[in-house]
Protein backbone atom coordinates (compact mmCIF):
# COMPACT_ATOMS: atom_id res chain seq x y z
CA TYR A 1 -65.77 -23.72 -67.84
CA GLN A 2 -69.14 -24.65 -66.92
CA ARG A 3 -70.61 -23.02 -69.78
CA ARG A 4 -68.87 -24.93 -72.05
CA VAL A 5 -70.03 -28.27 -70.34
CA ARG A 6 -73.68 -27.03 -70.30
CA GLY A 7 -73.46 -26.18 -73.93
CA ASP A 8 -73.58 -29.64 -74.63
CA MET A 9 -76.99 -30.36 -73.05
CA GLU A 10 -78.88 -31.91 -75.72
CA GLY A 11 -82.70 -32.38 -74.61
CA TYR A 12 -82.05 -29.89 -71.70
CA SER A 13 -84.94 -28.21 -70.97
CA SER A 14 -84.94 -25.14 -68.94
CA GLN A 15 -88.58 -24.52 -68.14
CA LEU A 16 -88.81 -28.15 -66.81
CA MET A 17 -89.08 -28.88 -62.83
CA ARG A 18 -88.27 -25.56 -61.49
CA PRO A 19 -87.59 -26.52 -58.05
CA VAL A 20 -88.71 -24.56 -55.00
CA LEU A 21 -86.49 -24.29 -51.80
CA HIS A 22 -89.27 -24.01 -48.87
CA LEU A 23 -87.68 -22.43 -45.63
CA ASP A 24 -88.94 -21.04 -42.62
CA PRO A 25 -90.06 -17.53 -43.08
CA LEU A 26 -88.25 -16.15 -40.47
CA VAL A 27 -85.02 -17.53 -42.44
CA ILE A 28 -86.23 -15.99 -45.38
CA GLU A 29 -86.62 -12.75 -43.39
CA HIS A 30 -83.37 -12.82 -42.26
CA LEU A 31 -81.85 -13.78 -45.44
CA GLN A 32 -83.50 -10.46 -46.94
CA LYS A 33 -81.48 -8.00 -44.69
CA TYR A 34 -78.36 -9.14 -46.82
CA PHE A 35 -79.98 -9.71 -50.09
CA THR A 36 -82.40 -8.16 -52.77
CA VAL A 37 -85.47 -10.40 -53.60
CA PRO A 38 -83.99 -10.93 -57.06
CA HIS A 39 -80.76 -11.95 -55.47
CA LEU A 40 -82.20 -14.21 -53.13
CA ASN A 41 -84.39 -15.85 -55.11
CA LYS A 42 -81.77 -16.94 -57.55
CA ILE A 43 -79.58 -18.09 -54.49
CA LEU A 44 -82.74 -20.24 -53.24
CA GLU A 45 -83.48 -21.82 -56.96
CA SER A 46 -79.65 -22.76 -57.37
CA ILE A 47 -78.99 -24.39 -53.98
CA ALA A 48 -82.33 -26.37 -54.68
CA ARG A 49 -81.00 -28.02 -57.90
CA PRO A 50 -78.42 -30.84 -58.24
CA PRO A 51 -74.89 -30.15 -58.22
CA SER A 52 -73.04 -29.31 -61.63
CA PHE A 53 -70.54 -32.07 -61.35
CA THR A 54 -69.88 -35.75 -59.37
CA THR A 55 -66.25 -35.71 -58.57
CA LEU A 56 -63.86 -38.63 -57.93
CA ARG A 57 -59.97 -38.07 -56.65
CA THR A 58 -57.49 -40.27 -57.47
CA CYS A 59 -55.47 -42.19 -54.79
CA PHE A 60 -53.45 -45.24 -54.30
CA GLY A 61 -50.89 -44.39 -56.82
CA THR A 62 -53.31 -44.46 -59.67
CA SER A 63 -52.83 -41.41 -62.23
CA ARG A 64 -55.42 -39.39 -63.53
CA ASP A 65 -55.13 -40.30 -67.28
CA GLU A 66 -55.26 -44.16 -66.01
CA LEU A 67 -58.18 -43.04 -63.66
CA LEU A 68 -60.33 -41.56 -66.96
CA TYR A 69 -59.47 -44.18 -69.08
CA SER A 70 -60.44 -47.19 -66.62
CA LEU A 71 -63.92 -45.14 -65.88
CA GLU A 72 -64.42 -45.01 -69.48
CA VAL A 73 -64.22 -48.28 -70.47
CA TYR A 74 -66.21 -49.70 -67.57
CA LEU A 75 -68.94 -47.13 -68.27
CA ARG A 76 -69.22 -47.97 -71.71
CA GLU A 77 -69.15 -51.63 -70.80
CA ASN A 78 -71.81 -51.31 -68.29
CA TYR A 79 -73.57 -49.09 -70.26
CA VAL A 80 -74.20 -51.28 -73.19
CA GLU A 81 -74.56 -54.51 -70.93
CA THR A 82 -77.18 -52.58 -69.23
CA ALA A 83 -79.03 -51.97 -72.08
CA TYR A 84 -78.94 -55.18 -73.74
CA ARG A 85 -79.81 -56.73 -70.50
CA LEU A 86 -83.18 -54.57 -70.23
CA LYS A 87 -83.83 -55.02 -73.95
CA GLU A 88 -83.88 -59.11 -73.23
CA ILE A 89 -86.12 -58.52 -70.30
CA GLN A 90 -88.89 -56.39 -72.10
CA LEU A 91 -88.66 -58.95 -75.10
CA LYS A 92 -89.23 -61.98 -72.57
CA TYR A 93 -91.38 -60.48 -70.08
CA HIS A 94 -93.25 -57.96 -72.03
CA PRO A 95 -92.92 -58.16 -75.60
CA SER A 96 -95.70 -55.97 -76.46
CA SER A 97 -94.81 -53.41 -74.28
CA SER A 98 -91.83 -52.86 -76.20
CA SER A 99 -93.58 -51.16 -78.76
CA SER A 100 -96.23 -49.58 -76.77
CA SER A 101 -95.83 -47.13 -73.65
CA THR A 102 -99.04 -49.01 -72.10
CA PRO A 103 -97.50 -51.43 -69.18
CA ASN A 104 -98.26 -54.87 -68.70
CA ASN A 105 -100.51 -55.52 -65.74
CA ASN A 106 -101.35 -59.16 -65.47
CA ASN A 107 -100.43 -60.90 -62.54
CA ASN A 108 -102.21 -58.88 -59.71
CA GLY A 109 -98.91 -57.68 -57.93
CA ASN A 110 -98.26 -60.91 -56.35
CA ASP A 111 -95.08 -61.33 -58.41
CA SER A 112 -92.11 -61.25 -55.97
CA GLY A 113 -89.65 -61.31 -59.30
CA ASN A 114 -86.36 -61.91 -59.02
CA GLU A 115 -86.14 -64.24 -62.12
CA GLU A 116 -83.95 -61.81 -64.22
CA PRO A 117 -82.84 -63.55 -67.22
CA SER A 118 -79.28 -64.28 -67.76
CA PRO A 119 -77.48 -62.30 -70.54
CA SER A 120 -77.77 -63.75 -73.93
CA THR A 121 -75.07 -65.88 -75.24
CA SER A 122 -75.88 -65.53 -78.71
CA THR A 123 -73.95 -62.03 -78.76
CA THR A 124 -70.71 -61.88 -77.20
CA LYS A 125 -69.63 -58.90 -75.10
CA ASP A 126 -67.33 -57.48 -77.83
CA LYS A 127 -69.62 -58.20 -80.56
CA ARG A 128 -72.50 -55.89 -78.56
CA MET A 129 -70.11 -53.45 -77.92
CA GLU A 130 -69.23 -53.07 -81.89
CA GLU A 131 -73.30 -52.95 -82.49
CA TYR A 132 -74.21 -50.40 -79.84
CA ASP A 133 -74.51 -46.76 -81.22
CA LEU A 134 -72.97 -44.88 -78.03
CA SER A 135 -73.36 -41.60 -79.74
CA SER A 136 -77.14 -41.86 -79.81
CA THR A 137 -77.13 -42.16 -75.79
CA ARG A 138 -77.10 -39.60 -73.26
CA LEU A 139 -73.92 -41.33 -71.55
CA LYS A 140 -71.48 -38.56 -70.28
CA LEU A 141 -68.02 -39.78 -69.97
CA PRO A 142 -65.78 -38.25 -66.90
CA ILE A 143 -63.53 -35.04 -67.74
CA PRO A 144 -60.31 -33.79 -66.25
CA HIS A 145 -60.88 -30.91 -63.55
CA PRO A 146 -59.05 -27.79 -65.20
CA LEU A 147 -57.56 -26.68 -62.02
CA LEU A 148 -57.09 -30.19 -59.51
CA LYS A 149 -54.64 -32.20 -61.30
CA ASP A 150 -55.93 -35.51 -59.44
CA VAL A 151 -59.54 -34.81 -59.67
CA VAL A 152 -62.02 -36.22 -62.33
CA MET A 153 -65.86 -34.80 -62.98
CA PHE A 154 -68.83 -36.40 -64.04
CA PRO A 155 -70.79 -33.58 -65.69
CA ILE A 156 -74.60 -33.82 -64.22
CA PHE A 157 -76.93 -32.69 -67.18
CA GLY A 158 -80.72 -31.73 -67.10
CA PRO A 159 -83.48 -31.65 -66.46
CA PHE A 160 -84.89 -33.58 -69.40
CA ASP A 161 -88.60 -33.45 -70.48
CA PHE A 162 -89.29 -37.20 -69.68
CA GLN A 163 -93.12 -37.76 -68.61
CA PRO A 164 -94.56 -39.89 -65.70
CA ILE A 165 -97.04 -41.97 -67.70
CA TYR A 166 -96.51 -45.47 -65.85
CA PRO A 167 -97.34 -46.65 -62.78
CA HIS A 168 -95.77 -44.47 -60.11
CA VAL A 169 -93.20 -45.85 -57.73
CA TYR A 170 -92.41 -43.63 -54.27
CA VAL A 171 -89.04 -43.64 -52.86
CA ASP A 172 -88.15 -41.88 -49.70
CA GLN A 173 -85.84 -38.26 -49.61
CA PRO A 174 -82.24 -40.48 -49.17
CA CYS A 175 -82.74 -42.41 -51.83
CA GLY A 176 -84.16 -39.88 -54.34
CA SER A 177 -81.10 -37.80 -53.69
CA SER A 178 -79.07 -40.79 -54.66
CA VAL A 179 -80.91 -41.17 -57.82
CA ILE A 180 -79.96 -37.86 -58.77
CA LEU A 181 -76.75 -38.35 -58.28
CA GLY A 182 -77.03 -41.43 -60.82
CA ALA A 183 -77.75 -44.51 -58.43
CA ASN A 184 -80.45 -46.65 -59.31
CA ILE A 185 -83.27 -47.61 -56.74
CA PHE A 186 -82.96 -49.96 -54.28
CA SER A 187 -85.88 -51.91 -52.91
CA VAL A 188 -84.97 -50.54 -49.16
CA GLY A 189 -85.70 -46.91 -50.57
CA ILE A 190 -89.02 -47.49 -52.19
CA VAL A 191 -91.78 -46.49 -49.85
CA GLY A 192 -95.23 -47.22 -51.86
CA ALA A 193 -96.04 -48.49 -55.33
CA ALA A 194 -98.82 -48.78 -57.43
CA PRO A 195 -100.61 -51.95 -57.55
CA PHE A 196 -100.20 -54.64 -60.18
CA ILE A 197 -96.51 -54.04 -60.89
CA THR A 198 -94.53 -57.05 -62.28
CA PHE A 199 -90.91 -58.00 -62.73
CA GLY A 200 -89.92 -55.98 -66.05
CA ASP A 201 -92.72 -53.36 -66.02
CA LYS A 202 -92.01 -49.46 -66.79
CA VAL A 203 -92.59 -47.61 -63.71
CA SER A 204 -92.46 -43.51 -62.92
CA VAL A 205 -90.51 -42.78 -59.74
CA PHE A 206 -91.33 -39.77 -57.54
CA ILE A 207 -89.79 -38.74 -54.10
CA ASP A 208 -92.23 -38.52 -51.21
CA VAL A 209 -90.78 -35.27 -50.15
CA ASP A 210 -93.19 -34.79 -46.96
CA GLY A 211 -92.65 -38.79 -46.18
CA VAL A 212 -96.49 -39.05 -46.12
CA LEU A 213 -96.61 -42.60 -47.05
CA LEU A 214 -96.33 -45.70 -44.91
CA LYS A 215 -94.28 -48.48 -46.13
CA GLY A 216 -96.00 -50.60 -48.59
CA GLU A 217 -98.78 -48.11 -49.47
CA THR A 218 -100.53 -48.05 -53.26
CA ARG A 219 -102.09 -44.88 -52.88
CA GLU A 220 -101.16 -41.83 -54.63
CA ILE A 221 -99.71 -38.55 -52.96
CA ASP A 222 -102.54 -35.89 -53.08
CA GLU A 223 -102.62 -32.32 -51.93
CA LYS A 224 -101.68 -33.33 -48.48
CA GLY A 225 -97.79 -34.49 -49.24
CA ARG A 226 -95.41 -33.22 -52.08
CA LYS A 227 -93.93 -35.17 -54.53
CA VAL A 228 -91.15 -34.67 -57.38
CA PHE A 229 -90.87 -36.62 -60.45
CA ILE A 230 -87.24 -37.84 -61.03
CA GLY A 231 -87.61 -40.31 -64.15
CA ASN A 232 -88.40 -43.48 -65.60
CA GLY A 233 -87.13 -46.95 -65.34
CA ILE A 234 -87.91 -51.25 -65.06
CA ALA A 235 -88.88 -52.73 -62.17
CA MET A 236 -86.07 -55.29 -61.11
CA SER A 237 -88.89 -56.99 -59.01
CA GLY A 238 -92.70 -57.37 -58.56
CA ARG A 239 -94.26 -55.11 -56.32
CA THR A 240 -94.33 -57.92 -53.50
CA GLY A 241 -90.27 -57.76 -53.92
CA PHE A 242 -90.02 -54.16 -53.49
CA PHE A 243 -91.13 -54.43 -49.65
CA SER A 244 -89.86 -57.94 -49.00
CA SER A 245 -86.11 -57.52 -50.02
CA LYS A 246 -83.66 -55.94 -48.05
CA SER A 247 -81.24 -55.78 -50.62
CA GLY A 248 -80.85 -55.34 -54.56
CA VAL A 249 -82.01 -53.24 -57.17
CA GLY A 250 -85.59 -52.49 -57.23
CA VAL A 251 -85.87 -49.85 -60.14
CA GLN A 252 -83.02 -49.74 -63.14
CA MET A 253 -83.55 -46.17 -63.72
CA THR A 254 -83.54 -45.56 -67.63
CA GLU A 255 -84.86 -42.23 -68.33
CA ARG A 256 -83.31 -40.01 -65.64
CA VAL A 257 -84.75 -36.29 -65.22
CA TRP A 258 -81.09 -35.39 -63.90
CA ASN A 259 -78.59 -37.34 -65.91
CA THR A 260 -75.18 -38.68 -64.68
CA PRO A 261 -73.38 -42.05 -64.77
CA SER A 262 -74.17 -44.82 -61.86
CA LEU A 263 -71.08 -45.24 -60.09
CA ASN A 264 -72.01 -48.23 -58.34
CA ASN A 265 -69.33 -51.03 -58.04
CA VAL A 266 -67.19 -48.57 -59.77
CA LEU A 267 -64.46 -49.23 -57.08
CA ASN A 268 -64.73 -52.67 -57.89
């Protein structure tokens, strides 16, 4: 069953982001008493990667078919609305960057940047749904669990071969783990960011694995610490807003190394 799901991984790169799990040498020595080296290496590589699925269980009298239908409608509408909103942000604040990979860095990083444009009234929600070609996206819809009749699953696909070509944003480990499971980046999880980031800029996101950055730092993580690239996104506030806001999305992820739908607000 998992082979069938994994066979649908368009853009999957088996060579990208080979994760390594670092354990205490004494732990490794103990495990080698019970596993051969190739078997142990395979185990360590497997548990260092994200799970294959995110699962939801039905409750409160909702049938699985009803849940699947509601989730599909919500995810499709949310995906399209987000895509249009981000496109409008790019066109309004960075019209040149919509056709170029070079970010716009013009305001010295002092933009608190919560100036998000309101959704366009020229295109209705239904019209946007009709116009948007979801078949060309990486949106993956939930599927029924093959054995558990009250469970639905969201496949997690990846790793995808995106490149960290934009100004860097660093997040802590809990935030990074949530991003891998489909979340966007809330400002409270950001620990460092390049200078001069403004609202609407494209950014590349890394996990500060060893926690070497102090809150608000601008420096890059060098050989003294480890970092893991998890994808690219669009800044939903300026750099100052990352560290002055205690709530709200700081970065909307658009290109995830590990891709699964965001379930934020899905219970609403």
